[in-house]
């Protein structure tokens, strides 16, 4: 699904960039240009980056998780 129509950026591209940048929205914005033209996609893009960071944290948790 397209999140940023101005730059034609999809949700999967944002998730992938978020994984590569360890959940840093600034890095995602710089690499994809999301949220840099009209700004209407910035909130949704930030939500996707935050969700991706949370998923990464839970997948790579340093805490003991009993089976």
Protein backbone atom coordinates (compact mmCIF):
# COMPACT_ATOMS: atom_id res chain seq x y z
CA UNK A 1 0.00 0.00 0.00
CA UNK A 2 1.27 3.46 -0.84
CA UNK A 3 1.89 5.62 2.22
CA UNK A 4 3.61 8.55 0.53
CA UNK A 5 2.01 9.46 -2.77
CA UNK A 6 4.38 12.36 -3.42
CA UNK A 7 7.43 10.08 -3.47
CA UNK A 8 5.59 6.81 -4.31
CA UNK A 9 6.78 5.05 -1.15
CA UNK A 10 5.02 1.91 0.07
CA UNK A 11 4.57 0.54 3.56
CA UNK A 12 6.89 -2.38 2.80
CA UNK A 13 9.63 0.03 1.71
CA UNK A 14 9.23 1.96 4.97
CA UNK A 15 9.34 -1.23 7.06
CA UNK A 16 12.45 -2.41 5.24
CA UNK A 17 14.20 0.95 5.67
CA UNK A 18 13.18 1.01 9.35
CA UNK A 19 14.78 -2.39 9.90
CA UNK A 20 18.00 -1.22 8.27
CA UNK A 21 18.06 2.00 10.30
CA UNK A 22 17.19 0.35 13.64
CA UNK A 23 13.90 2.22 13.87
CA UNK A 24 15.23 5.73 13.26
CA UNK A 25 12.59 7.79 11.47
CA UNK A 26 15.11 10.45 10.49
CA UNK A 27 17.15 7.85 8.59
CA UNK A 28 14.04 6.49 6.89
CA UNK A 29 13.00 10.02 5.90
CA UNK A 30 16.45 10.77 4.49
CA UNK A 31 16.73 7.52 2.55
CA UNK A 32 13.20 7.39 1.09
CA UNK A 33 12.13 11.03 1.14
CA UNK A 34 8.94 10.12 2.95
CA UNK A 35 7.28 13.10 4.64
CA UNK A 36 9.45 15.66 2.87
CA UNK A 37 7.04 17.10 0.29
CA UNK A 38 3.52 17.73 1.62
CA UNK A 39 3.98 15.98 4.98
CA UNK A 40 0.56 14.31 5.08
CA UNK A 41 2.15 10.84 5.27
CA UNK A 42 4.53 11.61 8.13
CA UNK A 43 2.26 10.35 10.93
CA UNK A 44 1.55 7.03 9.22
CA UNK A 45 5.21 6.59 8.29
CA UNK A 46 6.26 7.24 11.90
CA UNK A 47 3.74 4.65 13.10
CA UNK A 48 5.19 2.08 10.70
CA UNK A 49 8.75 2.84 11.81
CA UNK A 50 7.77 2.59 15.47
CA UNK A 51 5.95 -0.71 14.92
CA UNK A 52 8.92 -2.09 13.03
CA UNK A 53 11.26 -1.06 15.85
CA UNK A 54 8.99 -2.72 18.42
CA UNK A 55 8.92 -5.91 16.35
CA UNK A 56 12.71 -5.91 16.05
CA UNK A 57 13.06 -5.41 19.79
CA UNK A 58 10.72 -8.27 20.59
CA UNK A 59 12.41 -10.54 18.03
CA UNK A 60 15.87 -9.76 19.41
CA UNK A 61 14.91 -9.50 23.05
CA UNK A 62 17.74 -9.78 25.52
CA UNK A 63 15.37 -10.79 28.27
CA UNK A 64 14.73 -14.36 29.27
CA UNK A 65 11.56 -15.68 27.75
CA UNK A 66 10.49 -19.07 29.11
CA UNK A 67 9.25 -21.59 26.58
